[in-house]
Amino acid sequence: MNPFLKSFIEKTFETSGSALDLGAGNFRDVSFLKTHGWDCEGVDLTEGTDLEKPFLAKHKQFDLVYANYVLQKIENQTQFLETMFQNVKEGGWIFIHTFDKTDPNNLSKLSSVALKKMLAQVGFKKIKTKTFRFYDSAEGHKHWHKILEATAQRPSFNTRSM
């Protein structure tokens, strides 16, 4: 489980809710959340979901929509953020981990400023970003990354005009 996502969930949610992992990869975070009482789904190219196109979950919206290390791979990042917006409930939250523009893995050279602007354009509020260094100790990696983290909330209907 992404420890930063886990920390965000513990600080933000008092009880388990529903979550959608966009770009779930090996579905490790989905499995972890399910074992902790979350109603959690994941989608990924490996199971046929093209995240370059709009995606809307069939039957519901989620309390949390998150994407770990996917955004830097997406060509139309604004469309991807719109997908996040459409799948999160009013008052719900999103969590993004991607590589900062200075990290060699960020081919799109996405910056904190650009991401904040795109999130606001889509309609998110309470946008927070931070960058930090993280040592990737996974087998075959063993190197430092510069991570860009973003969290934001979809406003409730009653607060959109504020």
N, C-alpha and C. Protein backbone atom coordinates (compact mmCIF):
# COMPACT_ATOMS: atom_id res chain seq x y z
N MET A 1 0.85 -1.18 0.00
CA MET A 1 0.00 0.00 0.00
C MET A 1 0.89 1.24 0.00
N ASN A 2 0.55 2.17 -0.84
CA ASN A 2 1.26 3.45 -0.85
C ASN A 2 1.13 4.07 0.55
N PRO A 3 2.23 4.23 1.28
CA PRO A 3 2.13 4.73 2.66
C PRO A 3 1.61 6.17 2.74
N PHE A 4 1.82 6.95 1.71
CA PHE A 4 1.33 8.33 1.70
C PHE A 4 -0.18 8.37 1.48
N LEU A 5 -0.67 7.49 0.63
CA LEU A 5 -2.12 7.35 0.43
C LEU A 5 -2.76 6.87 1.73
N LYS A 6 -2.15 5.89 2.36
CA LYS A 6 -2.67 5.36 3.62
C LYS A 6 -2.76 6.47 4.67
N SER A 7 -1.73 7.29 4.78
CA SER A 7 -1.73 8.39 5.74
C SER A 7 -2.82 9.41 5.40
N PHE A 8 -2.98 9.72 4.12
CA PHE A 8 -4.02 10.67 3.69
C PHE A 8 -5.41 10.14 4.08
N ILE A 9 -5.64 8.86 3.84
CA ILE A 9 -6.94 8.25 4.17
C ILE A 9 -7.19 8.32 5.67
N GLU A 10 -6.18 7.98 6.46
CA GLU A 10 -6.34 8.00 7.92
C GLU A 10 -6.64 9.40 8.44
N LYS A 11 -6.07 10.43 7.83
CA LYS A 11 -6.29 11.81 8.27
C LYS A 11 -7.61 12.39 7.76
N THR A 12 -8.10 11.88 6.62
CA THR A 12 -9.23 12.50 5.94
C THR A 12 -10.56 11.83 6.23
N PHE A 13 -10.56 10.53 6.41
CA PHE A 13 -11.81 9.77 6.54
C PHE A 13 -11.93 9.17 7.93
N GLU A 14 -13.08 9.41 8.56
CA GLU A 14 -13.32 8.86 9.89
C GLU A 14 -13.72 7.39 9.83
N THR A 15 -14.38 7.00 8.75
CA THR A 15 -14.81 5.61 8.57
C THR A 15 -14.46 5.16 7.16
N SER A 16 -14.52 3.87 6.95
CA SER A 16 -14.29 3.32 5.61
C SER A 16 -15.37 3.82 4.67
N GLY A 17 -15.01 3.94 3.42
CA GLY A 17 -15.96 4.40 2.41
C GLY A 17 -15.77 3.62 1.13
N SER A 18 -15.94 4.31 0.03
CA SER A 18 -15.75 3.69 -1.28
C SER A 18 -14.61 4.38 -2.00
N ALA A 19 -13.84 3.61 -2.76
CA ALA A 19 -12.67 4.16 -3.44
C ALA A 19 -12.51 3.54 -4.82
N LEU A 20 -11.95 4.33 -5.72
CA LEU A 20 -11.64 3.90 -7.08
C LEU A 20 -10.18 4.19 -7.35
N ASP A 21 -9.45 3.17 -7.76
CA ASP A 21 -8.04 3.28 -8.13
C ASP A 21 -7.95 3.33 -9.65
N LEU A 22 -7.57 4.47 -10.19
CA LEU A 22 -7.39 4.63 -11.63
C LEU A 22 -5.94 4.31 -11.97
N GLY A 23 -5.73 3.20 -12.66
CA GLY A 23 -4.38 2.73 -12.95
C GLY A 23 -3.90 1.82 -11.84
N ALA A 24 -4.71 0.84 -11.50
CA ALA A 24 -4.48 0.01 -10.32
C ALA A 24 -3.27 -0.92 -10.43
N GLY A 25 -2.75 -1.14 -11.62
CA GLY A 25 -1.56 -1.98 -11.76
C GLY A 25 -1.79 -3.38 -11.21
N ASN A 26 -1.09 -3.72 -10.14
CA ASN A 26 -1.21 -5.05 -9.53
C ASN A 26 -2.35 -5.13 -8.51
N PHE A 27 -3.12 -4.07 -8.36
CA PHE A 27 -4.30 -4.01 -7.48
C PHE A 27 -3.95 -4.18 -6.00
N ARG A 28 -2.70 -3.93 -5.64
CA ARG A 28 -2.25 -4.07 -4.25
C ARG A 28 -2.99 -3.10 -3.32
N ASP A 29 -3.11 -1.82 -3.74
CA ASP A 29 -3.81 -0.85 -2.89
C ASP A 29 -5.29 -1.19 -2.77
N VAL A 30 -5.90 -1.66 -3.85
CA VAL A 30 -7.31 -2.08 -3.83
C VAL A 30 -7.50 -3.21 -2.82
N SER A 31 -6.64 -4.20 -2.87
CA SER A 31 -6.73 -5.34 -1.95
C SER A 31 -6.56 -4.89 -0.50
N PHE A 32 -5.60 -4.01 -0.26
CA PHE A 32 -5.37 -3.52 1.10
C PHE A 32 -6.61 -2.80 1.63
N LEU A 33 -7.16 -1.90 0.82
CA LEU A 33 -8.33 -1.15 1.27
C LEU A 33 -9.52 -2.06 1.53
N LYS A 34 -9.70 -3.06 0.69
CA LYS A 34 -10.81 -4.01 0.89
C LYS A 34 -10.67 -4.74 2.22
N THR A 35 -9.45 -5.10 2.59
CA THR A 35 -9.26 -5.80 3.86
C THR A 35 -9.48 -4.88 5.05
N HIS A 36 -9.53 -3.58 4.79
CA HIS A 36 -9.78 -2.60 5.86
C HIS A 36 -11.17 -1.98 5.76
N GLY A 37 -12.09 -2.71 5.14
CA GLY A 37 -13.49 -2.33 5.15
C GLY A 37 -13.95 -1.38 4.05
N TRP A 38 -13.08 -1.05 3.13
CA TRP A 38 -13.45 -0.16 2.03
C TRP A 38 -14.13 -0.94 0.91
N ASP A 39 -15.11 -0.33 0.29
CA ASP A 39 -15.71 -0.83 -0.94
C ASP A 39 -14.85 -0.25 -2.05
N CYS A 40 -13.96 -1.04 -2.58
CA CYS A 40 -12.91 -0.51 -3.45
C CYS A 40 -12.89 -1.23 -4.79
N GLU A 41 -12.71 -0.45 -5.85
CA GLU A 41 -12.58 -0.97 -7.21
C GLU A 41 -11.31 -0.40 -7.83
N GLY A 42 -10.82 -1.10 -8.81
CA GLY A 42 -9.67 -0.61 -9.55
C GLY A 42 -9.83 -0.90 -11.03
N VAL A 43 -9.27 -0.03 -11.84
CA VAL A 43 -9.25 -0.23 -13.29
C VAL A 43 -7.85 0.01 -13.78
N ASP A 44 -7.51 -0.70 -14.85
CA ASP A 44 -6.16 -0.58 -15.39
C ASP A 44 -6.17 -1.06 -16.84
N LEU A 45 -5.20 -0.62 -17.60
CA LEU A 45 -5.07 -1.06 -18.99
C LEU A 45 -4.94 -2.57 -19.07
N THR A 46 -4.32 -3.19 -18.05
CA THR A 46 -4.14 -4.63 -18.06
C THR A 46 -5.46 -5.39 -18.08
N GLU A 47 -6.52 -4.74 -17.60
CA GLU A 47 -7.83 -5.39 -17.64
C GLU A 47 -8.78 -4.71 -18.64
N GLY A 48 -8.19 -3.90 -19.55
CA GLY A 48 -8.95 -3.37 -20.68
C GLY A 48 -9.45 -1.94 -20.57
N THR A 49 -9.09 -1.19 -19.54
CA THR A 49 -9.56 0.19 -19.40
C THR A 49 -8.50 1.15 -19.93
N ASP A 50 -8.85 1.89 -20.96
CA ASP A 50 -7.95 2.87 -21.55
C ASP A 50 -8.14 4.20 -20.82
N LEU A 51 -7.21 4.56 -19.98
CA LEU A 51 -7.32 5.78 -19.18
C LEU A 51 -7.00 7.04 -19.97
N GLU A 52 -6.66 6.88 -21.25
CA GLU A 52 -6.51 8.04 -22.13
C GLU A 52 -7.88 8.56 -22.57
N LYS A 53 -8.91 7.74 -22.36
CA LYS A 53 -10.28 8.11 -22.74
C LYS A 53 -11.09 8.34 -21.47
N PRO A 54 -12.19 9.10 -21.57
CA PRO A 54 -13.04 9.28 -20.39
C PRO A 54 -13.52 7.92 -19.86
N PHE A 55 -13.51 7.78 -18.55
CA PHE A 55 -13.99 6.56 -17.90
C PHE A 55 -14.97 6.97 -16.82
N LEU A 56 -16.12 6.33 -16.81
CA LEU A 56 -17.12 6.59 -15.78
C LEU A 56 -17.54 5.25 -15.19
N ALA A 57 -17.38 5.10 -13.88
CA ALA A 57 -17.80 3.86 -13.22
C ALA A 57 -19.29 3.67 -13.47
N LYS A 58 -19.69 2.43 -13.66
CA LYS A 58 -21.05 2.12 -14.11
C LYS A 58 -22.16 2.50 -13.11
N HIS A 59 -21.97 2.23 -11.85
CA HIS A 59 -23.10 2.31 -10.93
C HIS A 59 -22.99 3.32 -9.80
N LYS A 60 -21.84 3.98 -9.65
CA LYS A 60 -21.73 4.86 -8.49
C LYS A 60 -20.58 5.83 -8.63
N GLN A 61 -20.56 6.77 -7.71
CA GLN A 61 -19.41 7.64 -7.52
C GLN A 61 -18.77 7.23 -6.20
N PHE A 62 -17.55 7.70 -5.97
CA PHE A 62 -16.75 7.23 -4.86
C PHE A 62 -16.39 8.35 -3.89
N ASP A 63 -16.14 7.98 -2.65
CA ASP A 63 -15.67 8.92 -1.63
C ASP A 63 -14.23 9.36 -1.93
N LEU A 64 -13.48 8.46 -2.54
CA LEU A 64 -12.07 8.70 -2.85
C LEU A 64 -11.77 8.12 -4.22
N VAL A 65 -11.11 8.92 -5.05
CA VAL A 65 -10.57 8.45 -6.32
C VAL A 65 -9.09 8.77 -6.29
N TYR A 66 -8.25 7.78 -6.59
CA TYR A 66 -6.82 8.02 -6.51
C TYR A 66 -6.09 7.41 -7.70
N ALA A 67 -4.90 7.95 -7.94
CA ALA A 67 -4.04 7.50 -9.03
C ALA A 67 -2.59 7.60 -8.58
N ASN A 68 -1.94 6.47 -8.51
CA ASN A 68 -0.53 6.41 -8.12
C ASN A 68 0.34 6.17 -9.35
N TYR A 69 1.18 7.15 -9.67
CA TYR A 69 2.18 7.04 -10.73
C TYR A 69 1.57 6.69 -12.09
N VAL A 70 0.47 7.37 -12.40
CA VAL A 70 -0.23 7.18 -13.68
C VAL A 70 -0.24 8.48 -14.47
N LEU A 71 -0.45 9.59 -13.79
CA LEU A 71 -0.67 10.86 -14.47
C LEU A 71 0.48 11.23 -15.42
N GLN A 72 1.71 10.91 -15.05
CA GLN A 72 2.85 11.26 -15.91
C GLN A 72 2.86 10.47 -17.21
N LYS A 73 2.07 9.40 -17.28
CA LYS A 73 2.00 8.57 -18.49
C LYS A 73 0.86 8.98 -19.41
N ILE A 74 -0.02 9.85 -18.95
CA ILE A 74 -1.23 10.22 -19.68
C ILE A 74 -0.95 11.42 -20.58
N GLU A 75 -1.33 11.33 -21.84
CA GLU A 75 -1.13 12.45 -22.76
C GLU A 75 -2.09 13.59 -22.47
N ASN A 76 -3.38 13.31 -22.35
CA ASN A 76 -4.37 14.35 -22.09
C ASN A 76 -4.66 14.36 -20.58
N GLN A 77 -3.81 15.03 -19.84
CA GLN A 77 -3.91 15.02 -18.39
C GLN A 77 -5.16 15.72 -17.90
N THR A 78 -5.61 16.76 -18.59
CA THR A 78 -6.84 17.44 -18.18
C THR A 78 -8.02 16.49 -18.29
N GLN A 79 -8.08 15.69 -19.34
CA GLN A 79 -9.16 14.71 -19.49
C GLN A 79 -9.11 13.68 -18.35
N PHE A 80 -7.93 13.25 -17.97
CA PHE A 80 -7.77 12.29 -16.88
C PHE A 80 -8.29 12.90 -15.57
N LEU A 81 -7.97 14.16 -15.31
CA LEU A 81 -8.45 14.83 -14.10
C LEU A 81 -9.97 15.00 -14.15
N GLU A 82 -10.51 15.22 -15.34
CA GLU A 82 -11.97 15.28 -15.50
C GLU A 82 -12.58 13.92 -15.16
N THR A 83 -11.93 12.84 -15.57
CA THR A 83 -12.38 11.49 -15.22
C THR A 83 -12.40 11.33 -13.69
N MET A 84 -11.38 11.83 -13.02
CA MET A 84 -11.36 11.76 -11.56
C MET A 84 -12.55 12.55 -10.98
N PHE A 85 -12.77 13.75 -11.51
CA PHE A 85 -13.85 14.60 -11.03
C PHE A 85 -15.21 13.92 -11.21
N GLN A 86 -15.44 13.31 -12.36
CA GLN A 86 -16.72 12.67 -12.65
C GLN A 86 -16.98 11.45 -11.78
N ASN A 87 -15.92 10.81 -11.30
CA ASN A 87 -16.07 9.58 -10.52
C ASN A 87 -16.07 9.79 -9.01
N VAL A 88 -15.77 10.98 -8.55
CA VAL A 88 -15.76 11.24 -7.11
C VAL A 88 -17.07 11.94 -6.73
N LYS A 89 -17.60 11.56 -5.58
CA LYS A 89 -18.83 12.16 -5.07
C LYS A 89 -18.61 13.63 -4.73
N GLU A 90 -19.70 14.39 -4.70
CA GLU A 90 -19.62 15.74 -4.16
C GLU A 90 -19.13 15.63 -2.72
N GLY A 91 -18.15 16.43 -2.38
CA GLY A 91 -17.55 16.38 -1.04
C GLY A 91 -16.47 15.32 -0.92
N GLY A 92 -16.30 14.50 -1.97
CA GLY A 92 -15.27 13.46 -1.96
C GLY A 92 -13.90 14.01 -2.31
N TRP A 93 -12.90 13.17 -2.17
CA TRP A 93 -11.50 13.58 -2.33
C TRP A 93 -10.79 12.79 -3.41
N ILE A 94 -9.77 13.43 -3.98
CA ILE A 94 -8.85 12.72 -4.88
C ILE A 94 -7.44 12.78 -4.28
N PHE A 95 -6.65 11.80 -4.66
CA PHE A 95 -5.25 11.72 -4.23
C PHE A 95 -4.45 11.32 -5.45
N ILE A 96 -3.38 12.06 -5.72
CA ILE A 96 -2.52 11.78 -6.87
C ILE A 96 -1.08 11.72 -6.40
N HIS A 97 -0.40 10.69 -6.83
CA HIS A 97 1.06 10.64 -6.74
C HIS A 97 1.58 10.49 -8.15
N THR A 98 2.51 11.34 -8.49
CA THR A 98 3.16 11.29 -9.80
C THR A 98 4.59 11.75 -9.59
N PHE A 99 5.36 11.80 -10.66
CA PHE A 99 6.73 12.28 -10.54
C PHE A 99 6.77 13.77 -10.82
N ASP A 100 7.54 14.49 -10.04
CA ASP A 100 7.74 15.92 -10.24
C ASP A 100 8.47 16.16 -11.56
N LYS A 101 8.34 17.37 -12.06
CA LYS A 101 8.95 17.71 -13.36
C LYS A 101 10.46 17.50 -13.37
N THR A 102 11.10 17.52 -12.21
CA THR A 102 12.56 17.35 -12.16
C THR A 102 12.98 15.88 -12.08
N ASP A 103 12.02 14.97 -11.94
CA ASP A 103 12.36 13.55 -11.88
C ASP A 103 12.48 13.00 -13.30
N PRO A 104 13.51 12.20 -13.56
CA PRO A 104 13.69 11.66 -14.92
C PRO A 104 12.52 10.79 -15.41
N ASN A 105 11.70 10.27 -14.49
CA ASN A 105 10.56 9.43 -14.88
C ASN A 105 9.36 10.24 -15.34
N ASN A 106 9.38 11.55 -15.13
CA ASN A 106 8.26 12.40 -15.54
C ASN A 106 8.51 12.90 -16.96
N LEU A 107 8.07 12.12 -17.91
CA LEU A 107 8.27 12.47 -19.31
C LEU A 107 7.44 13.69 -19.70
N SER A 108 6.35 13.94 -18.99
CA SER A 108 5.49 15.07 -19.32
C SER A 108 5.99 16.37 -18.69
N LYS A 109 6.94 16.27 -17.78
CA LYS A 109 7.49 17.43 -17.08
C LYS A 109 6.41 18.24 -16.36
N LEU A 110 5.49 17.53 -15.73
CA LEU A 110 4.40 18.13 -14.99
C LEU A 110 4.92 18.81 -13.73
N SER A 111 4.50 20.05 -13.51
CA SER A 111 4.92 20.80 -12.32
C SER A 111 3.75 20.94 -11.35
N SER A 112 4.08 21.31 -10.14
CA SER A 112 3.08 21.55 -9.11
C SER A 112 2.13 22.68 -9.53
N VAL A 113 2.67 23.74 -10.07
CA VAL A 113 1.86 24.88 -10.50
C VAL A 113 0.89 24.47 -11.61
N ALA A 114 1.39 23.73 -12.59
CA ALA A 114 0.54 23.29 -13.71
C ALA A 114 -0.57 22.35 -13.21
N LEU A 115 -0.22 21.45 -12.29
CA LEU A 115 -1.22 20.51 -11.78
C LEU A 115 -2.30 21.25 -10.99
N LYS A 116 -1.91 22.19 -10.16
CA LYS A 116 -2.90 22.99 -9.41
C LYS A 116 -3.85 23.70 -10.37
N LYS A 117 -3.30 24.28 -11.41
CA LYS A 117 -4.11 25.01 -12.39
C LYS A 117 -5.10 24.07 -13.08
N MET A 118 -4.64 22.89 -13.48
CA MET A 118 -5.53 21.92 -14.15
C MET A 118 -6.63 21.44 -13.20
N LEU A 119 -6.28 21.16 -11.94
CA LEU A 119 -7.28 20.71 -10.97
C LEU A 119 -8.35 21.78 -10.74
N ALA A 120 -7.94 23.02 -10.65
CA ALA A 120 -8.90 24.12 -10.47
C ALA A 120 -9.78 24.27 -11.70
N GLN A 121 -9.18 24.14 -12.88
CA GLN A 121 -9.92 24.25 -14.14
C GLN A 121 -11.03 23.21 -14.23
N VAL A 122 -10.75 22.01 -13.76
CA VAL A 122 -11.72 20.92 -13.80
C VAL A 122 -12.85 21.15 -12.79
N GLY A 123 -12.56 21.87 -11.70
CA GLY A 123 -13.60 22.17 -10.72
C GLY A 123 -13.28 21.80 -9.29
N PHE A 124 -12.08 21.28 -9.04
CA PHE A 124 -11.72 20.89 -7.68
C PHE A 124 -11.43 22.11 -6.81
N LYS A 125 -11.62 21.94 -5.51
CA LYS A 125 -11.32 22.95 -4.50
C LYS A 125 -10.40 22.33 -3.45
N LYS A 126 -9.99 23.13 -2.50
CA LYS A 126 -9.10 22.67 -1.41
C LYS A 126 -7.91 21.90 -1.97
N ILE A 127 -7.32 22.44 -3.02
CA ILE A 127 -6.20 21.80 -3.71
C ILE A 127 -4.92 22.02 -2.92
N LYS A 128 -4.23 20.94 -2.66
CA LYS A 128 -2.93 21.01 -1.99
C LYS A 128 -1.94 20.16 -2.78
N THR A 129 -0.75 20.71 -2.96
CA THR A 129 0.31 19.93 -3.60
C THR A 129 1.57 20.04 -2.74
N LYS A 130 2.40 19.04 -2.87
CA LYS A 130 3.71 19.10 -2.23
C LYS A 130 4.66 18.22 -3.05
N THR A 131 5.91 18.57 -2.99
CA THR A 131 6.94 17.76 -3.63
C THR A 131 7.92 17.32 -2.55
N PHE A 132 8.43 16.13 -2.73
CA PHE A 132 9.39 15.61 -1.77
C PHE A 132 10.22 14.52 -2.41
N ARG A 133 11.35 14.24 -1.79
CA ARG A 133 12.23 13.17 -2.27
C ARG A 133 11.85 11.87 -1.57
N PHE A 134 11.90 10.78 -2.32
CA PHE A 134 11.53 9.47 -1.78
C PHE A 134 12.50 8.44 -2.34
N TYR A 135 13.04 7.60 -1.46
CA TYR A 135 13.96 6.55 -1.90
C TYR A 135 13.17 5.31 -2.25
N ASP A 136 13.26 4.88 -3.49
CA ASP A 136 12.58 3.69 -3.98
C ASP A 136 13.47 2.48 -3.71
N SER A 137 13.10 1.71 -2.70
CA SER A 137 13.93 0.58 -2.29
C SER A 137 13.48 -0.74 -2.91
N ALA A 138 12.54 -0.69 -3.85
CA ALA A 138 12.05 -1.92 -4.49
C ALA A 138 13.18 -2.61 -5.24
N GLU A 139 13.08 -3.92 -5.30
CA GLU A 139 14.08 -4.73 -5.99
C GLU A 139 14.27 -4.22 -7.42
N GLY A 140 15.51 -3.99 -7.79
CA GLY A 140 15.82 -3.51 -9.13
C GLY A 140 15.76 -1.99 -9.28
N HIS A 141 15.36 -1.29 -8.22
CA HIS A 141 15.27 0.18 -8.31
C HIS A 141 16.41 0.82 -7.53
N LYS A 142 16.28 0.91 -6.23
CA LYS A 142 17.31 1.44 -5.34
C LYS A 142 17.82 2.81 -5.79
N HIS A 143 16.89 3.78 -5.90
CA HIS A 143 17.28 5.13 -6.24
C HIS A 143 16.25 6.13 -5.72
N TRP A 144 16.62 7.40 -5.77
CA TRP A 144 15.76 8.47 -5.28
C TRP A 144 14.84 8.97 -6.38
N HIS A 145 13.64 9.41 -5.96
CA HIS A 145 12.67 10.04 -6.86
C HIS A 145 12.25 11.37 -6.26
N LYS A 146 11.82 12.26 -7.12
CA LYS A 146 11.18 13.50 -6.69
C LYS A 146 9.69 13.33 -6.98
N ILE A 147 8.89 13.27 -5.91
CA ILE A 147 7.47 12.95 -6.00
C ILE A 147 6.64 14.24 -5.93
N LEU A 148 5.59 14.28 -6.73
CA LEU A 148 4.60 15.35 -6.68
C LEU A 148 3.31 14.72 -6.18
N GLU A 149 2.81 15.23 -5.06
CA GLU A 149 1.58 14.73 -4.47
C GLU A 149 0.52 15.83 -4.55
N ALA A 150 -0.70 15.44 -4.91
CA ALA A 150 -1.80 16.40 -4.94
C ALA A 150 -3.03 15.77 -4.30
N THR A 151 -3.73 16.58 -3.53
CA THR A 151 -5.04 16.19 -2.99
C THR A 151 -5.99 17.34 -3.30
N ALA A 152 -7.24 16.99 -3.50
CA ALA A 152 -8.25 18.02 -3.79
C ALA A 152 -9.62 17.44 -3.49
N GLN A 153 -10.57 18.34 -3.32
CA GLN A 153 -11.93 17.93 -2.99
C GLN A 153 -12.89 18.42 -4.08
N ARG A 154 -13.83 17.54 -4.41
CA ARG A 154 -14.92 17.97 -5.29
C ARG A 154 -15.91 18.72 -4.40
N PRO A 155 -16.21 19.96 -4.74
CA PRO A 155 -17.11 20.72 -3.87
C PRO A 155 -18.51 20.14 -3.85
N SER A 156 -19.17 20.32 -2.73
CA SER A 156 -20.58 19.95 -2.62
C SER A 156 -21.41 20.93 -3.43
N PHE A 157 -22.55 20.51 -3.88
CA PHE A 157 -23.42 21.35 -4.68
C PHE A 157 -23.68 22.69 -4.00
N ASN A 158 -23.87 22.68 -2.70
CA ASN A 158 -24.18 23.89 -1.94
C ASN A 158 -23.02 24.87 -1.84
N THR A 159 -21.78 24.39 -2.09
CA THR A 159 -20.62 25.26 -1.92
C THR A 159 -19.95 25.64 -3.23
N ARG A 160 -20.46 25.20 -4.37
CA ARG A 160 -19.81 25.49 -5.64
C ARG A 160 -19.77 26.97 -5.98
N SER A 161 -20.78 27.70 -5.62
CA SER A 161 -20.83 29.10 -5.99
C SER A 161 -20.06 30.00 -5.03
N MET A 162 -19.50 29.42 -3.99
CA MET A 162 -18.78 30.23 -2.99
C MET A 162 -17.39 30.56 -3.45
